[in-house]
Amino acid sequence: MKAPKIKPSSSAVEPSQIKTSPKIDEAYSSEPWWYDARGFLILTLAYNDTLPHQIRHFAKNMRTQHLEVAVGSGTFLEVVLKYRRWKKWPVINIIGFDYAPSMLQGATHRFRKNKNIQLQLADAANMPFKDNQFDSLSCANAIHSFPELEKSLRECFRVLKPGGIFVGNCLITPRGIWPLNWIAKKINSWGQRKGILHRAYDLTEIKDLLMKAGFKNLEEDLRGNCLSFVVTKNIKTT
C-alpha cells in the first residue's frame, strides 16, 4: 500500500530570501562533486566516523512522511535509500530542501526520476512547512553548519508531528589522542575559515540544545568526534 503524498510548500522561495553570509554563499557555491569529496574527507578526518555506520543510522529511522533537512547534492540520501531498498523496507515520501541553489540543482538532477522525492529551496531556520506535518526528519552532517542553530532546532520541533522522530548527527569538539585530535582540530579550523562549518559543539552542549528545543532523548551513539542521535517530539498528555 502506497503512502499518501505529502505536498510541498506552495510558497516559492527565491535565493535572495535565504539569509546567509558571503562566506557561506561562497562555501556552498562549489560543484556538487567537490562538495561530496570534501564531505567524505571531513567525515574521515574530523568526524572519525564511518560511512556504513551513518547509512544504517539514518536509513532505519525514516518514516512514511519524511523531511530531509539540508539535503545538499543528494548523494548521501541516495545511498541511504539504496540501503533501504536492499533491506526491503517500505517506500516513503520525502520532501528535501537546502539553502544552497547549486547543491539543490545537484539533488534535483539526481532524483529527477523519483516521484516520491520533492525538493525545494528553503532555510532550516525558517522552514516553509506547516506545524505537525512530518512523521520523521533527518539532518545528516549539517547541524554544526547552521549559523542559527537554536532557531533551526525549534523549527525541526515545530514541523514534526507529536510522536515524530528527529534523527541527526553533530560534529563535537575533537577528542582522543594525538595526532587524530590534532588533525580534527586543523580540519575544523579550515572548515570555519571556509564557511563550511559554523563550529563544533561540546557533547553536553548539543544535547542541552536539543532538549531546550523541546525534544526528548531516545537514543545516542558517540563515535570518534561525532554524536549520532534520535530524539522525539513527545505526545502531550493531559
Protein backbone atom coordinates (compact mmCIF):
# COMPACT_ATOMS: atom_id res chain seq x y z
CA MET A 1 0.00 0.00 0.00
CA LYS A 2 1.45 3.33 -1.07
CA ALA A 3 1.79 6.16 1.41
CA PRO A 4 -0.24 9.29 0.63
CA LYS A 5 1.77 12.04 -0.97
CA ILE A 6 2.97 14.98 1.06
CA LYS A 7 2.52 18.32 -0.58
CA PRO A 8 5.50 20.64 -0.77
CA SER A 9 5.08 24.20 0.37
CA SER A 10 3.19 26.34 -2.11
CA SER A 11 5.20 29.42 -1.12
CA ALA A 12 8.12 29.75 -3.51
CA VAL A 13 11.42 30.83 -2.00
CA GLU A 14 13.89 32.83 -4.04
CA PRO A 15 17.65 32.62 -3.37
CA SER A 16 17.62 36.28 -2.28
CA GLN A 17 15.22 35.41 0.56
CA ILE A 18 17.62 32.94 2.15
CA LYS A 19 19.60 34.62 4.93
CA THR A 20 23.24 33.55 4.70
CA SER A 21 26.57 35.35 4.61
CA PRO A 22 29.06 35.93 1.79
CA LYS A 23 31.35 33.28 3.31
CA ILE A 24 28.56 30.68 3.46
CA ASP A 25 27.36 31.56 -0.02
CA GLU A 26 30.85 31.03 -1.41
CA ALA A 27 31.39 27.78 0.53
CA TYR A 28 28.27 26.18 -0.94
CA SER A 29 28.52 27.55 -4.46
CA SER A 30 31.04 24.83 -5.40
CA GLU A 31 30.31 21.99 -7.79
CA PRO A 32 28.36 19.11 -6.20
CA TRP A 33 31.21 16.63 -6.88
CA TRP A 34 33.64 18.78 -4.87
CA TYR A 35 31.09 19.15 -2.08
CA ASP A 36 30.78 15.35 -1.89
CA ALA A 37 34.55 14.73 -1.95
CA ARG A 38 35.10 17.41 0.68
CA GLY A 39 32.40 15.88 2.85
CA PHE A 40 33.98 12.43 2.69
CA LEU A 41 37.36 13.80 3.77
CA ILE A 42 35.78 15.67 6.67
CA LEU A 43 33.84 12.54 7.69
CA THR A 44 37.05 10.53 7.81
CA LEU A 45 39.47 13.06 9.29
CA ALA A 46 37.29 15.25 11.52
CA TYR A 47 34.30 13.11 12.49
CA ASN A 48 36.36 9.90 12.82
CA ASP A 49 33.12 8.12 11.94
CA THR A 50 32.40 5.62 9.15
CA LEU A 51 30.04 5.89 6.21
CA PRO A 52 28.42 2.44 6.81
CA HIS A 53 27.53 3.44 10.38
CA GLN A 54 25.96 6.69 9.23
CA ILE A 55 23.98 4.97 6.47
CA ARG A 56 22.47 2.48 8.92
CA HIS A 57 21.75 5.20 11.47
CA PHE A 58 19.73 7.35 9.08
CA ALA A 59 18.16 4.58 6.97
CA LYS A 60 16.44 2.79 9.85
CA ASN A 61 14.88 5.98 11.23
CA MET A 62 12.81 7.18 8.27
CA ARG A 63 9.02 7.09 8.45
CA THR A 64 6.17 7.43 5.98
CA GLN A 65 6.13 11.22 5.59
CA HIS A 66 9.74 12.33 5.85
CA LEU A 67 11.60 15.65 5.73
CA GLU A 68 15.26 15.75 4.69
CA VAL A 69 16.86 18.92 6.07
CA ALA A 70 19.94 20.25 4.23
CA VAL A 71 19.77 17.59 1.52
CA GLY A 72 22.84 19.02 -0.22
CA SER A 73 23.65 17.34 -3.53
CA GLY A 74 21.57 14.31 -2.51
CA THR A 75 24.49 11.87 -2.67
CA PHE A 76 24.15 10.67 0.92
CA LEU A 77 20.36 10.43 0.72
CA GLU A 78 20.64 8.35 -2.46
CA VAL A 79 22.91 5.83 -0.70
CA VAL A 80 20.58 5.70 2.30
CA LEU A 81 17.60 4.96 0.04
CA LYS A 82 19.53 2.24 -1.80
CA TYR A 83 20.24 0.64 1.56
CA ARG A 84 16.54 0.79 2.44
CA ARG A 85 15.63 -0.88 -0.87
CA TRP A 86 18.24 -3.59 -0.23
CA LYS A 87 16.66 -4.20 3.20
CA LYS A 88 13.22 -4.25 1.50
CA TRP A 89 11.87 -1.57 3.82
CA PRO A 90 8.71 0.36 2.82
CA VAL A 91 8.86 3.15 0.26
CA ILE A 92 8.42 6.55 1.88
CA ASN A 93 7.56 10.04 0.64
CA ILE A 94 10.27 12.65 1.08
CA ILE A 95 10.46 16.41 0.93
CA GLY A 96 14.05 17.62 0.88
CA PHE A 97 15.39 21.12 1.00
CA ASP A 98 18.64 23.06 1.01
CA TYR A 99 19.52 26.76 1.12
CA ALA A 100 22.29 26.49 -1.50
CA PRO A 101 20.91 26.62 -5.06
CA SER A 102 23.95 24.89 -6.55
CA MET A 103 23.62 21.95 -4.14
CA LEU A 104 19.88 21.73 -4.75
CA GLN A 105 20.46 21.60 -8.50
CA GLY A 106 22.63 18.53 -8.00
CA ALA A 107 19.94 16.82 -5.89
CA THR A 108 17.21 17.78 -8.37
CA HIS A 109 19.13 16.15 -11.20
CA ARG A 110 19.91 13.08 -9.10
CA PHE A 111 16.28 12.44 -8.13
CA ARG A 112 14.60 13.67 -11.30
CA LYS A 113 13.02 10.23 -11.94
CA ASN A 114 11.95 9.56 -8.35
CA LYS A 115 8.30 10.53 -7.91
CA ASN A 116 8.47 10.02 -4.15
CA ILE A 117 11.00 12.82 -3.63
CA GLN A 118 10.15 16.51 -3.88
CA LEU A 119 12.83 19.18 -3.50
CA GLN A 120 12.75 22.90 -2.81
CA LEU A 121 14.86 25.83 -1.71
CA ALA A 122 14.46 26.69 1.96
CA ASP A 123 16.26 27.76 5.12
CA ALA A 124 16.45 25.48 8.17
CA ALA A 125 15.90 28.48 10.44
CA ASN A 126 12.66 29.45 8.66
CA MET A 127 11.03 26.35 7.16
CA PRO A 128 8.07 26.92 4.81
CA PHE A 129 6.11 23.96 6.22
CA LYS A 130 3.05 23.55 8.41
CA ASP A 131 3.13 22.68 12.08
CA ASN A 132 3.00 18.95 12.86
CA GLN A 133 3.49 17.92 9.21
CA PHE A 134 6.12 15.15 9.20
CA ASP A 135 6.49 11.70 10.78
CA SER A 136 10.27 11.88 10.72
CA LEU A 137 13.02 14.35 9.97
CA SER A 138 16.69 13.80 9.16
CA CYS A 139 19.61 16.18 9.22
CA ALA A 140 22.81 14.43 8.16
CA ASN A 141 26.20 16.06 8.68
CA ALA A 142 24.83 19.59 8.76
CA ILE A 143 23.71 20.69 12.23
CA HIS A 144 27.14 22.07 13.05
CA SER A 145 26.96 24.18 9.86
CA PHE A 146 23.83 26.11 10.85
CA PRO A 147 24.55 29.74 11.82
CA GLU A 148 21.23 29.91 13.72
CA LEU A 149 21.20 26.50 15.34
CA GLU A 150 18.75 27.15 18.18
CA LYS A 151 16.20 28.62 15.78
CA SER A 152 16.71 25.73 13.35
CA LEU A 153 16.15 23.15 16.10
CA ARG A 154 12.92 24.89 17.14
CA GLU A 155 11.79 24.73 13.51
CA CYS A 156 12.56 21.00 13.40
CA PHE A 157 10.43 20.54 16.50
CA ARG A 158 7.58 22.62 15.07
CA VAL A 159 7.20 20.73 11.77
CA LEU A 160 7.29 17.26 13.34
CA LYS A 161 4.07 15.53 14.33
CA PRO A 162 3.64 14.64 18.01
CA GLY A 163 5.49 11.36 18.41
CA GLY A 164 7.63 12.10 15.36
CA ILE A 165 11.35 11.50 15.41
CA PHE A 166 14.35 13.68 14.57
CA VAL A 167 17.42 11.70 13.53
CA GLY A 168 20.70 13.51 13.14
CA ASN A 169 24.35 13.76 13.96
CA CYS A 170 26.65 16.55 15.07
CA LEU A 171 30.37 17.22 14.98
CA ILE A 172 31.62 17.61 18.53
CA THR A 173 34.81 19.15 19.89
CA PRO A 174 37.73 16.89 18.87
CA ARG A 175 38.72 14.30 21.43
CA GLY A 176 41.07 11.36 21.56
CA ILE A 177 44.82 11.06 21.21
CA TRP A 178 47.40 12.84 19.09
CA PRO A 179 47.66 13.00 16.10
CA LEU A 180 43.95 12.26 15.46
CA ASN A 181 42.67 15.08 17.66
CA TRP A 182 45.23 17.46 16.14
CA ILE A 183 44.15 16.56 12.59
CA ALA A 184 40.47 17.00 13.51
CA LYS A 185 41.16 20.46 15.00
CA LYS A 186 43.03 21.51 11.86
CA ILE A 187 40.19 20.31 9.61
CA ASN A 188 37.63 22.11 11.77
CA SER A 189 39.61 25.36 11.68
CA TRP A 190 39.84 25.11 7.90
CA GLY A 191 36.09 24.45 7.67
CA GLN A 192 35.29 27.50 9.78
CA ARG A 193 37.53 29.74 7.67
CA LYS A 194 35.84 28.47 4.50
CA GLY A 195 32.30 28.81 5.88
CA ILE A 196 31.61 25.06 5.67
CA LEU A 197 31.48 24.68 9.43
CA HIS A 198 29.89 27.12 11.85
CA ARG A 199 31.54 25.38 14.80
CA ALA A 200 31.83 22.07 16.62
CA TYR A 201 29.86 21.61 19.86
CA ASP A 202 30.64 20.16 23.24
CA LEU A 203 28.80 16.91 23.85
CA THR A 204 26.65 18.21 26.71
CA GLU A 205 26.02 21.47 24.84
CA ILE A 206 24.39 19.93 21.77
CA LYS A 207 22.31 17.59 23.92
CA ASP A 208 21.14 20.54 26.02
CA LEU A 209 20.19 22.47 22.87
CA LEU A 210 18.06 19.57 21.65
CA MET A 211 16.27 19.34 25.00
CA LYS A 212 15.82 23.13 25.08
CA ALA A 213 14.08 22.95 21.69
CA GLY A 214 11.56 20.55 23.26
CA PHE A 215 12.88 17.15 22.19
CA LYS A 216 13.16 14.09 24.40
CA ASN A 217 16.05 11.67 24.02
CA LEU A 218 15.50 8.23 22.50
CA GLU A 219 19.00 7.04 21.70
CA GLU A 220 22.52 8.31 21.17
CA ASP A 221 25.76 6.87 19.84
CA LEU A 222 29.11 8.62 20.23
CA ARG A 223 31.79 7.53 17.77
CA GLY A 224 35.01 9.43 17.26
CA ASN A 225 34.09 13.12 17.15
CA CYS A 226 30.51 12.57 16.07
CA LEU A 227 27.34 12.26 18.13
CA SER A 228 24.56 10.37 16.34
CA PHE A 229 21.15 10.70 17.94
CA VAL A 230 17.44 10.05 17.69
CA VAL A 231 15.10 12.34 19.62
CA THR A 232 11.31 12.59 19.67
CA LYS A 233 8.60 15.19 19.90
CA ASN A 234 6.63 13.82 22.81
CA ILE A 235 2.90 13.35 22.60
CA LYS A 236 1.32 15.67 25.14
CA THR A 237 -0.89 14.03 27.71
CA THR A 238 -3.45 15.66 29.97
